[in-house]
Amino acid sequence: MNNAIAEAHSIEQVVEIINASKAGHSSEYFGGTDTREAEEMAGQYAWEAAEESGYTDNESIEAHLDILAEAGAKFEFRVALDNAINRKKQ
């Protein structure tokens, strides 16, 4: 998947991308523009972080969203969590 979250190199960049989306701006990345909703991006980040860590239970996914929110990302937590959990089923 080629998109802004996958192209980010730090959690600070992820926060910046999510907050730009929440403010109605698209995020530029190598090869295009990402116009997805902040909650979809946060869900993607949480799922990929959980998958990378080897812990894909719902509590671990939720913990990654907590970290993202604590870092300053603005998104609807429940919607992002649902998005991340749905990625597990794909």
N, C-alpha and C. Protein backbone atom coordinates (compact mmCIF):
# COMPACT_ATOMS: atom_id res chain seq x y z
N MET A 1 0.85 -1.17 0.00
CA MET A 1 0.00 0.00 0.00
C MET A 1 0.89 1.23 0.00
N ASN A 2 0.66 2.10 -0.94
CA ASN A 2 1.45 3.32 -1.04
C ASN A 2 0.58 4.49 -0.59
N ASN A 3 0.90 5.09 0.54
CA ASN A 3 0.14 6.23 1.05
C ASN A 3 0.97 6.99 2.07
N ALA A 4 0.44 8.10 2.54
CA ALA A 4 1.21 8.98 3.42
C ALA A 4 1.66 8.29 4.70
N ILE A 5 0.81 7.49 5.32
CA ILE A 5 1.18 6.82 6.57
C ILE A 5 2.32 5.84 6.33
N ALA A 6 2.24 5.08 5.25
CA ALA A 6 3.30 4.12 4.92
C ALA A 6 4.61 4.82 4.60
N GLU A 7 4.55 6.05 4.11
CA GLU A 7 5.75 6.80 3.75
C GLU A 7 6.35 7.57 4.93
N ALA A 8 5.61 7.71 6.03
CA ALA A 8 6.11 8.47 7.19
C ALA A 8 7.31 7.78 7.81
N HIS A 9 8.22 8.59 8.34
CA HIS A 9 9.44 8.05 8.94
C HIS A 9 9.49 8.18 10.46
N SER A 10 8.47 8.81 11.04
CA SER A 10 8.45 8.97 12.49
C SER A 10 7.01 9.17 12.96
N ILE A 11 6.80 8.98 14.25
CA ILE A 11 5.45 9.20 14.79
C ILE A 11 5.06 10.67 14.66
N GLU A 12 6.05 11.56 14.72
CA GLU A 12 5.75 12.98 14.55
C GLU A 12 5.19 13.26 13.15
N GLN A 13 5.74 12.60 12.15
CA GLN A 13 5.21 12.76 10.80
C GLN A 13 3.80 12.17 10.69
N VAL A 14 3.57 11.04 11.34
CA VAL A 14 2.24 10.43 11.33
C VAL A 14 1.23 11.39 11.96
N VAL A 15 1.59 11.98 13.09
CA VAL A 15 0.70 12.94 13.76
C VAL A 15 0.42 14.12 12.84
N GLU A 16 1.44 14.65 12.20
CA GLU A 16 1.27 15.77 11.28
C GLU A 16 0.33 15.42 10.13
N ILE A 17 0.48 14.24 9.57
CA ILE A 17 -0.36 13.77 8.46
C ILE A 17 -1.81 13.63 8.92
N ILE A 18 -2.02 13.00 10.07
CA ILE A 18 -3.38 12.79 10.58
C ILE A 18 -4.04 14.13 10.89
N ASN A 19 -3.31 15.04 11.53
CA ASN A 19 -3.88 16.33 11.88
C ASN A 19 -4.19 17.18 10.64
N ALA A 20 -3.36 17.07 9.63
CA ALA A 20 -3.63 17.77 8.37
C ALA A 20 -4.93 17.24 7.77
N SER A 21 -5.10 15.94 7.79
CA SER A 21 -6.32 15.33 7.26
C SER A 21 -7.53 15.79 8.06
N LYS A 22 -7.42 15.82 9.38
CA LYS A 22 -8.52 16.24 10.24
C LYS A 22 -8.92 17.69 9.94
N ALA A 23 -7.93 18.50 9.54
CA ALA A 23 -8.18 19.90 9.22
C ALA A 23 -8.67 20.08 7.78
N GLY A 24 -8.83 18.98 7.04
CA GLY A 24 -9.36 19.05 5.70
C GLY A 24 -8.33 19.17 4.60
N HIS A 25 -7.07 18.95 4.95
CA HIS A 25 -5.99 19.04 3.96
C HIS A 25 -5.53 17.65 3.55
N SER A 26 -5.16 17.49 2.30
CA SER A 26 -4.59 16.22 1.87
C SER A 26 -3.11 16.20 2.23
N SER A 27 -2.55 15.01 2.33
CA SER A 27 -1.15 14.86 2.70
C SER A 27 -0.34 14.42 1.49
N GLU A 28 0.70 15.16 1.22
CA GLU A 28 1.59 14.80 0.12
C GLU A 28 2.53 13.68 0.58
N TYR A 29 2.85 12.79 -0.31
CA TYR A 29 3.83 11.75 -0.05
C TYR A 29 4.49 11.41 -1.36
N PHE A 30 5.55 10.66 -1.30
CA PHE A 30 6.28 10.29 -2.50
C PHE A 30 5.35 9.54 -3.45
N GLY A 31 5.02 10.15 -4.55
CA GLY A 31 4.21 9.48 -5.55
C GLY A 31 2.75 9.88 -5.57
N GLY A 32 2.29 10.77 -4.70
CA GLY A 32 0.88 11.12 -4.77
C GLY A 32 0.38 11.96 -3.63
N THR A 33 -0.93 11.95 -3.47
CA THR A 33 -1.62 12.70 -2.43
C THR A 33 -2.59 11.78 -1.73
N ASP A 34 -2.57 11.80 -0.41
CA ASP A 34 -3.45 10.95 0.40
C ASP A 34 -4.61 11.80 0.90
N THR A 35 -5.82 11.44 0.52
CA THR A 35 -7.00 12.23 0.89
C THR A 35 -7.93 11.48 1.84
N ARG A 36 -7.44 10.44 2.49
CA ARG A 36 -8.28 9.65 3.39
C ARG A 36 -8.59 10.41 4.68
N GLU A 37 -9.60 9.93 5.38
CA GLU A 37 -9.99 10.51 6.66
C GLU A 37 -8.93 10.22 7.73
N ALA A 38 -8.85 11.10 8.72
CA ALA A 38 -7.89 10.95 9.81
C ALA A 38 -8.07 9.62 10.54
N GLU A 39 -9.31 9.20 10.74
CA GLU A 39 -9.57 7.96 11.47
C GLU A 39 -9.09 6.73 10.70
N GLU A 40 -9.19 6.77 9.38
CA GLU A 40 -8.68 5.66 8.57
C GLU A 40 -7.17 5.60 8.66
N MET A 41 -6.53 6.76 8.62
CA MET A 41 -5.06 6.81 8.72
C MET A 41 -4.60 6.35 10.10
N ALA A 42 -5.28 6.80 11.16
CA ALA A 42 -4.91 6.38 12.51
C ALA A 42 -5.11 4.88 12.68
N GLY A 43 -6.20 4.37 12.13
CA GLY A 43 -6.45 2.92 12.19
C GLY A 43 -5.37 2.13 11.47
N GLN A 44 -4.97 2.63 10.30
CA GLN A 44 -3.90 1.96 9.56
C GLN A 44 -2.62 1.94 10.38
N TYR A 45 -2.27 3.09 10.96
CA TYR A 45 -1.05 3.17 11.76
C TYR A 45 -1.10 2.18 12.93
N ALA A 46 -2.22 2.17 13.65
CA ALA A 46 -2.34 1.30 14.82
C ALA A 46 -2.25 -0.17 14.43
N TRP A 47 -2.92 -0.56 13.35
CA TRP A 47 -2.88 -1.95 12.92
C TRP A 47 -1.47 -2.34 12.49
N GLU A 48 -0.83 -1.50 11.67
CA GLU A 48 0.52 -1.84 11.19
C GLU A 48 1.52 -1.89 12.34
N ALA A 49 1.38 -0.98 13.31
CA ALA A 49 2.28 -1.00 14.47
C ALA A 49 2.06 -2.26 15.31
N ALA A 50 0.81 -2.64 15.49
CA ALA A 50 0.51 -3.86 16.24
C ALA A 50 1.03 -5.09 15.51
N GLU A 51 0.80 -5.12 14.22
CA GLU A 51 1.26 -6.26 13.41
C GLU A 51 2.78 -6.38 13.45
N GLU A 52 3.46 -5.25 13.35
CA GLU A 52 4.92 -5.24 13.39
C GLU A 52 5.45 -5.72 14.74
N SER A 53 4.72 -5.39 15.82
CA SER A 53 5.16 -5.80 17.15
C SER A 53 4.87 -7.27 17.44
N GLY A 54 3.98 -7.87 16.64
CA GLY A 54 3.61 -9.26 16.86
C GLY A 54 2.45 -9.45 17.82
N TYR A 55 1.87 -8.35 18.28
CA TYR A 55 0.74 -8.39 19.21
C TYR A 55 -0.46 -7.74 18.54
N THR A 56 -1.35 -8.54 17.99
CA THR A 56 -2.46 -8.00 17.22
C THR A 56 -3.81 -8.13 17.93
N ASP A 57 -3.78 -8.34 19.24
CA ASP A 57 -5.04 -8.38 19.99
C ASP A 57 -5.59 -6.96 20.07
N ASN A 58 -6.87 -6.85 20.34
CA ASN A 58 -7.54 -5.54 20.36
C ASN A 58 -6.92 -4.57 21.37
N GLU A 59 -6.48 -5.08 22.49
CA GLU A 59 -5.88 -4.20 23.51
C GLU A 59 -4.57 -3.60 23.02
N SER A 60 -3.79 -4.38 22.29
CA SER A 60 -2.53 -3.86 21.74
C SER A 60 -2.80 -2.81 20.66
N ILE A 61 -3.79 -3.06 19.83
CA ILE A 61 -4.16 -2.08 18.81
C ILE A 61 -4.61 -0.78 19.48
N GLU A 62 -5.42 -0.91 20.52
CA GLU A 62 -5.89 0.26 21.26
C GLU A 62 -4.72 1.01 21.90
N ALA A 63 -3.73 0.29 22.39
CA ALA A 63 -2.56 0.92 22.99
C ALA A 63 -1.80 1.77 21.97
N HIS A 64 -1.70 1.29 20.74
CA HIS A 64 -1.02 2.06 19.70
C HIS A 64 -1.80 3.32 19.37
N LEU A 65 -3.12 3.27 19.41
CA LEU A 65 -3.93 4.47 19.21
C LEU A 65 -3.74 5.44 20.38
N ASP A 66 -3.64 4.90 21.59
CA ASP A 66 -3.38 5.75 22.76
C ASP A 66 -2.07 6.52 22.58
N ILE A 67 -1.03 5.82 22.16
CA ILE A 67 0.27 6.45 21.94
C ILE A 67 0.16 7.55 20.89
N LEU A 68 -0.56 7.26 19.83
CA LEU A 68 -0.75 8.23 18.75
C LEU A 68 -1.48 9.48 19.26
N ALA A 69 -2.53 9.27 20.05
CA ALA A 69 -3.29 10.39 20.62
C ALA A 69 -2.42 11.19 21.60
N GLU A 70 -1.65 10.50 22.41
CA GLU A 70 -0.76 11.17 23.37
C GLU A 70 0.31 11.99 22.66
N ALA A 71 0.68 11.56 21.44
CA ALA A 71 1.67 12.29 20.65
C ALA A 71 1.07 13.52 19.98
N GLY A 72 -0.28 13.67 20.09
CA GLY A 72 -0.92 14.87 19.59
C GLY A 72 -1.83 14.68 18.39
N ALA A 73 -2.01 13.46 17.92
CA ALA A 73 -2.89 13.22 16.77
C ALA A 73 -4.34 13.45 17.17
N LYS A 74 -5.09 14.09 16.28
CA LYS A 74 -6.51 14.39 16.51
C LYS A 74 -7.35 13.49 15.62
N PHE A 75 -8.11 12.60 16.24
CA PHE A 75 -8.99 11.69 15.49
C PHE A 75 -10.04 11.16 16.44
N GLU A 76 -11.12 10.65 15.86
CA GLU A 76 -12.18 10.02 16.65
C GLU A 76 -11.69 8.63 17.04
N PHE A 77 -11.41 8.44 18.32
CA PHE A 77 -10.76 7.23 18.80
C PHE A 77 -11.53 5.96 18.43
N ARG A 78 -12.82 5.93 18.71
CA ARG A 78 -13.62 4.72 18.48
C ARG A 78 -13.67 4.35 17.00
N VAL A 79 -13.80 5.35 16.14
CA VAL A 79 -13.84 5.09 14.69
C VAL A 79 -12.50 4.54 14.22
N ALA A 80 -11.41 5.12 14.71
CA ALA A 80 -10.07 4.63 14.34
C ALA A 80 -9.85 3.22 14.86
N LEU A 81 -10.31 2.94 16.07
CA LEU A 81 -10.16 1.59 16.63
C LEU A 81 -10.93 0.57 15.79
N ASP A 82 -12.16 0.92 15.44
CA ASP A 82 -12.95 0.02 14.59
C ASP A 82 -12.26 -0.22 13.25
N ASN A 83 -11.69 0.84 12.68
CA ASN A 83 -10.97 0.71 11.41
C ASN A 83 -9.79 -0.24 11.56
N ALA A 84 -9.02 -0.08 12.63
CA ALA A 84 -7.84 -0.92 12.85
C ALA A 84 -8.24 -2.38 13.06
N ILE A 85 -9.27 -2.62 13.85
CA ILE A 85 -9.73 -4.00 14.11
C ILE A 85 -10.25 -4.63 12.83
N ASN A 86 -10.93 -3.86 12.00
CA ASN A 86 -11.43 -4.40 10.73
C ASN A 86 -10.28 -4.78 9.80
N ARG A 87 -9.14 -4.12 9.92
CA ARG A 87 -7.98 -4.48 9.10
C ARG A 87 -7.47 -5.88 9.47
N LYS A 88 -7.67 -6.24 10.72
CA LYS A 88 -7.24 -7.57 11.20
C LYS A 88 -8.01 -8.67 10.47
N LYS A 89 -9.23 -8.38 10.08
CA LYS A 89 -10.09 -9.38 9.45
C LYS A 89 -9.83 -9.52 7.95
N GLN A 90 -9.04 -8.62 7.39
CA GLN A 90 -8.80 -8.64 5.94
C GLN A 90 -7.76 -9.67 5.55
